PDB file of all heavy atoms in Angstrom:
ATOM      1  N   GLY A   1     111.781 109.615 111.414  1.00  0.00           N
ATOM      2  CA  GLY A   1     112.539 108.413 111.741  1.00  0.00           C
ATOM      3  C   GLY A   1     112.956 107.633 110.514  1.00  0.00           C
ATOM      4  O   GLY A   1     113.458 106.516 110.625  1.00  0.00           O
ATOM      5  N   VAL A   2     112.744 108.212 109.331  1.00  0.00           N
ATOM      6  CA  VAL A   2     113.132 107.567 108.075  1.00  0.00           C
ATOM      7  C   VAL A   2     114.642 107.675 107.876  1.00  0.00           C
ATOM      8  O   VAL A   2     115.266 106.759 107.340  1.00  0.00           O
ATOM      9  CB  VAL A   2     112.361 108.209 106.891  1.00  0.00           C
ATOM     10  CG1 VAL A   2     112.952 107.829 105.550  1.00  0.00           C
ATOM     11  CG2 VAL A   2     110.886 107.823 106.959  1.00  0.00           C
ATOM     12  N   LEU A   3     115.242 108.759 108.326  1.00  0.00           N
ATOM     13  CA  LEU A   3     116.695 108.938 108.251  1.00  0.00           C
ATOM     14  C   LEU A   3     117.323 108.101 109.362  1.00  0.00           C
ATOM     15  O   LEU A   3     117.206 108.411 110.535  1.00  0.00           O
ATOM     16  CB  LEU A   3     117.062 110.420 108.424  1.00  0.00           C
ATOM     17  CG  LEU A   3     118.550 110.752 108.404  1.00  0.00           C
ATOM     18  CD1 LEU A   3     119.168 110.392 107.063  1.00  0.00           C
ATOM     19  CD2 LEU A   3     118.746 112.225 108.720  1.00  0.00           C
ATOM     20  N   ARG A   4     117.958 107.002 108.974  1.00  0.00           N
ATOM     21  CA  ARG A   4     118.479 106.058 109.962  1.00  0.00           C
ATOM     22  C   ARG A   4     119.950 106.235 110.271  1.00  0.00           C
ATOM     23  O   ARG A   4     120.375 106.007 111.402  1.00  0.00           O
ATOM     24  CB  ARG A   4     118.229 104.612 109.497  1.00  0.00           C
ATOM     25  CG  ARG A   4     116.782 104.250 109.332  1.00  0.00           C
ATOM     26  CD  ARG A   4     115.918 104.537 110.545  1.00  0.00           C
ATOM     27  NE  ARG A   4     116.417 103.856 111.716  1.00  0.00           N
ATOM     28  CZ  ARG A   4     116.225 104.254 112.964  1.00  0.00           C
ATOM     29  NH1 ARG A   4     115.540 105.330 113.216  1.00  0.00           N
ATOM     30  NH2 ARG A   4     116.709 103.589 113.976  1.00  0.00           N
ATOM     31  N   ASP A   5     120.751 106.603 109.259  1.00  0.00           N
ATOM     32  CA  ASP A   5     122.180 106.713 109.513  1.00  0.00           C
ATOM     33  C   ASP A   5     122.834 107.599 108.467  1.00  0.00           C
ATOM     34  O   ASP A   5     122.388 107.642 107.319  1.00  0.00           O
ATOM     35  CB  ASP A   5     122.840 105.323 109.484  1.00  0.00           C
ATOM     36  CG  ASP A   5     124.281 105.346 109.946  1.00  0.00           C
ATOM     37  OD1 ASP A   5     124.593 106.054 110.925  1.00  0.00           O
ATOM     38  OD2 ASP A   5     125.110 104.667 109.311  1.00  0.00           O
ATOM     39  N   VAL A   6     123.852 108.311 108.902  1.00  0.00           N
ATOM     40  CA  VAL A   6     124.680 109.123 108.007  1.00  0.00           C
ATOM     41  C   VAL A   6     126.126 108.808 108.375  1.00  0.00           C
ATOM     42  O   VAL A   6     126.537 109.036 109.512  1.00  0.00           O
ATOM     43  CB  VAL A   6     124.395 110.636 108.169  1.00  0.00           C
ATOM     44  CG1 VAL A   6     125.315 111.445 107.278  1.00  0.00           C
ATOM     45  CG2 VAL A   6     122.934 110.947 107.866  1.00  0.00           C
ATOM     46  N   SER A   7     126.854 108.246 107.405  1.00  0.00           N
ATOM     47  CA  SER A   7     128.251 107.904 107.660  1.00  0.00           C
ATOM     48  C   SER A   7     129.103 108.381 106.489  1.00  0.00           C
ATOM     49  O   SER A   7     128.600 108.655 105.412  1.00  0.00           O
ATOM     50  CB  SER A   7     128.400 106.387 107.863  1.00  0.00           C
ATOM     51  OG  SER A   7     127.898 105.680 106.750  1.00  0.00           O
ATOM     52  N   VAL A   8     130.395 108.495 106.750  1.00  0.00           N
ATOM     53  CA  VAL A   8     131.328 108.968 105.723  1.00  0.00           C
ATOM     54  C   VAL A   8     132.322 107.858 105.419  1.00  0.00           C
ATOM     55  O   VAL A   8     132.912 107.264 106.329  1.00  0.00           O
ATOM     56  CB  VAL A   8     132.070 110.249 106.192  1.00  0.00           C
ATOM     57  CG1 VAL A   8     133.077 110.693 105.153  1.00  0.00           C
ATOM     58  CG2 VAL A   8     131.081 111.354 106.513  1.00  0.00           C
ATOM     59  N   HIS A   9     132.496 107.586 104.115  1.00  0.00           N
ATOM     60  CA  HIS A   9     133.454 106.596 103.639  1.00  0.00           C
ATOM     61  C   HIS A   9     134.313 107.290 102.593  1.00  0.00           C
ATOM     62  O   HIS A   9     133.826 107.634 101.515  1.00  0.00           O
ATOM     63  CB  HIS A   9     132.739 105.380 103.045  1.00  0.00           C
ATOM     64  CG  HIS A   9     131.783 104.754 104.008  1.00  0.00           C
ATOM     65  ND1 HIS A   9     132.175 103.882 104.997  1.00  0.00           N
ATOM     66  CD2 HIS A   9     130.444 104.908 104.160  1.00  0.00           C
ATOM     67  CE1 HIS A   9     131.131 103.515 105.707  1.00  0.00           C
ATOM     68  NE2 HIS A   9     130.064 104.124 105.215  1.00  0.00           N
ATOM     69  N   ASP A  10     135.566 107.529 102.950  1.00  0.00           N
ATOM     70  CA  ASP A  10     136.472 108.336 102.132  1.00  0.00           C
ATOM     71  C   ASP A  10     135.863 109.731 101.997  1.00  0.00           C
ATOM     72  O   ASP A  10     135.698 110.399 102.989  1.00  0.00           O
ATOM     73  CB  ASP A  10     136.774 107.671 100.781  1.00  0.00           C
ATOM     74  CG  ASP A  10     137.507 106.341 100.951  1.00  0.00           C
ATOM     75  OD1 ASP A  10     138.402 106.290 101.818  1.00  0.00           O
ATOM     76  OD2 ASP A  10     137.181 105.382 100.247  1.00  0.00           O
ATOM     77  N   ASP A  11     135.481 110.132 100.800  1.00  0.00           N
ATOM     78  CA  ASP A  11     134.894 111.469 100.640  1.00  0.00           C
ATOM     79  C   ASP A  11     133.416 111.382 100.226  1.00  0.00           C
ATOM     80  O   ASP A  11     132.849 112.335  99.714  1.00  0.00           O
ATOM     81  CB  ASP A  11     135.684 112.285  99.617  1.00  0.00           C
ATOM     82  CG  ASP A  11     135.651 111.675  98.222  1.00  0.00           C
ATOM     83  OD1 ASP A  11     135.313 110.476  98.102  1.00  0.00           O
ATOM     84  OD2 ASP A  11     135.944 112.393  97.255  1.00  0.00           O
ATOM     85  N   VAL A  12     132.792 110.225 100.476  1.00  0.00           N
ATOM     86  CA  VAL A  12     131.390 110.008 100.112  1.00  0.00           C
ATOM     87  C   VAL A  12     130.555 109.834 101.373  1.00  0.00           C
ATOM     88  O   VAL A  12     130.908 109.072 102.273  1.00  0.00           O
ATOM     89  CB  VAL A  12     131.233 108.763  99.199  1.00  0.00           C
ATOM     90  CG1 VAL A  12     129.768 108.494  98.878  1.00  0.00           C
ATOM     91  CG2 VAL A  12     132.042 108.924  97.928  1.00  0.00           C
ATOM     92  N   VAL A  13     129.440 110.555 101.410  1.00  0.00           N
ATOM     93  CA  VAL A  13     128.503 110.430 102.530  1.00  0.00           C
ATOM     94  C   VAL A  13     127.478 109.364 102.164  1.00  0.00           C
ATOM     95  O   VAL A  13     126.843 109.434 101.109  1.00  0.00           O
ATOM     96  CB  VAL A  13     127.808 111.776 102.822  1.00  0.00           C
ATOM     97  CG1 VAL A  13     126.681 111.596 103.824  1.00  0.00           C
ATOM     98  CG2 VAL A  13     128.809 112.791 103.331  1.00  0.00           C
ATOM     99  N   GLU A  14     127.344 108.372 103.016  1.00  0.00           N
ATOM    100  CA  GLU A  14     126.338 107.328 102.802  1.00  0.00           C
ATOM    101  C   GLU A  14     125.168 107.601 103.737  1.00  0.00           C
ATOM    102  O   GLU A  14     125.339 107.714 104.951  1.00  0.00           O
ATOM    103  CB  GLU A  14     126.915 105.945 103.073  1.00  0.00           C
ATOM    104  CG  GLU A  14     125.923 104.836 102.765  1.00  0.00           C
ATOM    105  CD  GLU A  14     126.539 103.456 102.875  1.00  0.00           C
ATOM    106  OE1 GLU A  14     127.197 103.034 101.907  1.00  0.00           O
ATOM    107  OE2 GLU A  14     126.351 102.834 103.931  1.00  0.00           O
ATOM    108  N   VAL A  15     123.995 107.728 103.140  1.00  0.00           N
ATOM    109  CA  VAL A  15     122.770 108.016 103.887  1.00  0.00           C
ATOM    110  C   VAL A  15     121.876 106.787 103.827  1.00  0.00           C
ATOM    111  O   VAL A  15     121.548 106.305 102.741  1.00  0.00           O
ATOM    112  CB  VAL A  15     122.032 109.238 103.292  1.00  0.00           C
ATOM    113  CG1 VAL A  15     120.748 109.505 104.043  1.00  0.00           C
ATOM    114  CG2 VAL A  15     122.937 110.461 103.295  1.00  0.00           C
ATOM    115  N   THR A  16     121.504 106.280 104.992  1.00  0.00           N
ATOM    116  CA  THR A  16     120.607 105.131 105.060  1.00  0.00           C
ATOM    117  C   THR A  16     119.222 105.613 105.455  1.00  0.00           C
ATOM    118  O   THR A  16     119.062 106.309 106.451  1.00  0.00           O
ATOM    119  CB  THR A  16     121.106 104.089 106.076  1.00  0.00           C
ATOM    120  OG1 THR A  16     122.433 103.702 105.715  1.00  0.00           O
ATOM    121  CG2 THR A  16     120.205 102.863 106.114  1.00  0.00           C
ATOM    122  N   ILE A  17     118.235 105.238 104.620  1.00  0.00           N
ATOM    123  CA  ILE A  17     116.844 105.581 104.899  1.00  0.00           C
ATOM    124  C   ILE A  17     116.021 104.301 104.964  1.00  0.00           C
ATOM    125  O   ILE A  17     116.339 103.318 104.304  1.00  0.00           O
ATOM    126  CB  ILE A  17     116.261 106.552 103.841  1.00  0.00           C
ATOM    127  CG1 ILE A  17     116.450 106.020 102.421  1.00  0.00           C
ATOM    128  CG2 ILE A  17     116.890 107.937 103.996  1.00  0.00           C
ATOM    129  CD1 ILE A  17     115.842 106.895 101.325  1.00  0.00           C
ATOM    130  N   THR A  18     114.982 104.321 105.793  1.00  0.00           N
ATOM    131  CA  THR A  18     114.096 103.179 105.960  1.00  0.00           C
ATOM    132  C   THR A  18     112.682 103.613 105.628  1.00  0.00           C
ATOM    133  O   THR A  18     112.190 104.594 106.200  1.00  0.00           O
ATOM    134  CB  THR A  18     114.164 102.649 107.413  1.00  0.00           C
ATOM    135  OG1 THR A  18     115.497 102.203 107.662  1.00  0.00           O
ATOM    136  CG2 THR A  18     113.202 101.498 107.631  1.00  0.00           C
ATOM    137  N   PRO A  19     112.005 102.900 104.716  1.00  0.00           N
ATOM    138  CA  PRO A  19     110.632 103.280 104.373  1.00  0.00           C
ATOM    139  C   PRO A  19     109.680 103.040 105.540  1.00  0.00           C
ATOM    140  O   PRO A  19     109.893 102.134 106.355  1.00  0.00           O
ATOM    141  CB  PRO A  19     110.296 102.369 103.195  1.00  0.00           C
ATOM    142  CG  PRO A  19     111.225 101.212 103.304  1.00  0.00           C
ATOM    143  CD  PRO A  19     112.461 101.720 103.973  1.00  0.00           C
ATOM    144  N   THR A  20     108.627 103.839 105.592  1.00  0.00           N
ATOM    145  CA  THR A  20     107.626 103.655 106.647  1.00  0.00           C
ATOM    146  C   THR A  20     106.875 102.353 106.458  1.00  0.00           C
ATOM    147  O   THR A  20     106.360 101.792 107.414  1.00  0.00           O
ATOM    148  CB  THR A  20     106.630 104.830 106.682  1.00  0.00           C
ATOM    149  OG1 THR A  20     106.045 104.978 105.388  1.00  0.00           O
ATOM    150  CG2 THR A  20     107.314 106.110 107.115  1.00  0.00           C
ATOM    151  N   TYR A  21     106.803 101.879 105.233  1.00  0.00           N
ATOM    152  CA  TYR A  21     106.269 100.547 104.952  1.00  0.00           C
ATOM    153  C   TYR A  21     106.805 100.102 103.599  1.00  0.00           C
ATOM    154  O   TYR A  21     107.220 100.933 102.784  1.00  0.00           O
ATOM    155  CB  TYR A  21     104.725 100.519 104.995  1.00  0.00           C
ATOM    156  CG  TYR A  21     104.073 101.269 103.871  1.00  0.00           C
ATOM    157  CD1 TYR A  21     103.676 100.612 102.709  1.00  0.00           C
ATOM    158  CD2 TYR A  21     103.871 102.638 103.961  1.00  0.00           C
ATOM    159  CE1 TYR A  21     103.102 101.317 101.663  1.00  0.00           C
ATOM    160  CE2 TYR A  21     103.293 103.336 102.915  1.00  0.00           C
ATOM    161  CZ  TYR A  21     102.910 102.669 101.779  1.00  0.00           C
ATOM    162  OH  TYR A  21     102.339 103.358 100.747  1.00  0.00           O
ATOM    163  N   SER A  22     106.786  98.822 103.358  1.00  0.00           N
ATOM    164  CA  SER A  22     107.313  98.270 102.110  1.00  0.00           C
ATOM    165  C   SER A  22     106.520  98.820 100.934  1.00  0.00           C
ATOM    166  O   SER A  22     105.297  98.782 100.918  1.00  0.00           O
ATOM    167  CB  SER A  22     107.210  96.745 102.152  1.00  0.00           C
ATOM    168  OG  SER A  22     107.739  96.198 100.974  1.00  0.00           O
ATOM    169  N   GLY A  23     107.232  99.365  99.960  1.00  0.00           N
ATOM    170  CA  GLY A  23     106.586  99.911  98.779  1.00  0.00           C
ATOM    171  C   GLY A  23     106.123 101.345  98.923  1.00  0.00           C
ATOM    172  O   GLY A  23     105.381 101.842  98.078  1.00  0.00           O
ATOM    173  N   CYS A  24     106.562 102.043  99.950  1.00  0.00           N
ATOM    174  CA  CYS A  24     106.165 103.440 100.154  1.00  0.00           C
ATOM    175  C   CYS A  24     106.567 104.268  98.937  1.00  0.00           C
ATOM    176  O   CYS A  24     107.754 104.348  98.594  1.00  0.00           O
ATOM    177  CB  CYS A  24     106.828 104.002 101.403  1.00  0.00           C
ATOM    178  SG  CYS A  24     106.506 105.755 101.669  1.00  0.00           S
ATOM    179  N   PRO A  25     105.589 104.905  98.261  1.00  0.00           N
ATOM    180  CA  PRO A  25     105.908 105.657  97.046  1.00  0.00           C
ATOM    181  C   PRO A  25     106.734 106.919  97.300  1.00  0.00           C
ATOM    182  O   PRO A  25     107.360 107.432  96.383  1.00  0.00           O
ATOM    183  CB  PRO A  25     104.539 106.014  96.471  1.00  0.00           C
ATOM    184  CG  PRO A  25     103.617 105.978  97.637  1.00  0.00           C
ATOM    185  CD  PRO A  25     104.168 104.940  98.573  1.00  0.00           C
TER     186      PRO A  25
END
């Protein structure tokens, strides 16, 4: 569930990830 979103802007893929907790190494 860390992979939150994958979107395309022009020719660049933007990947949004969310840490399981703040400061996750």
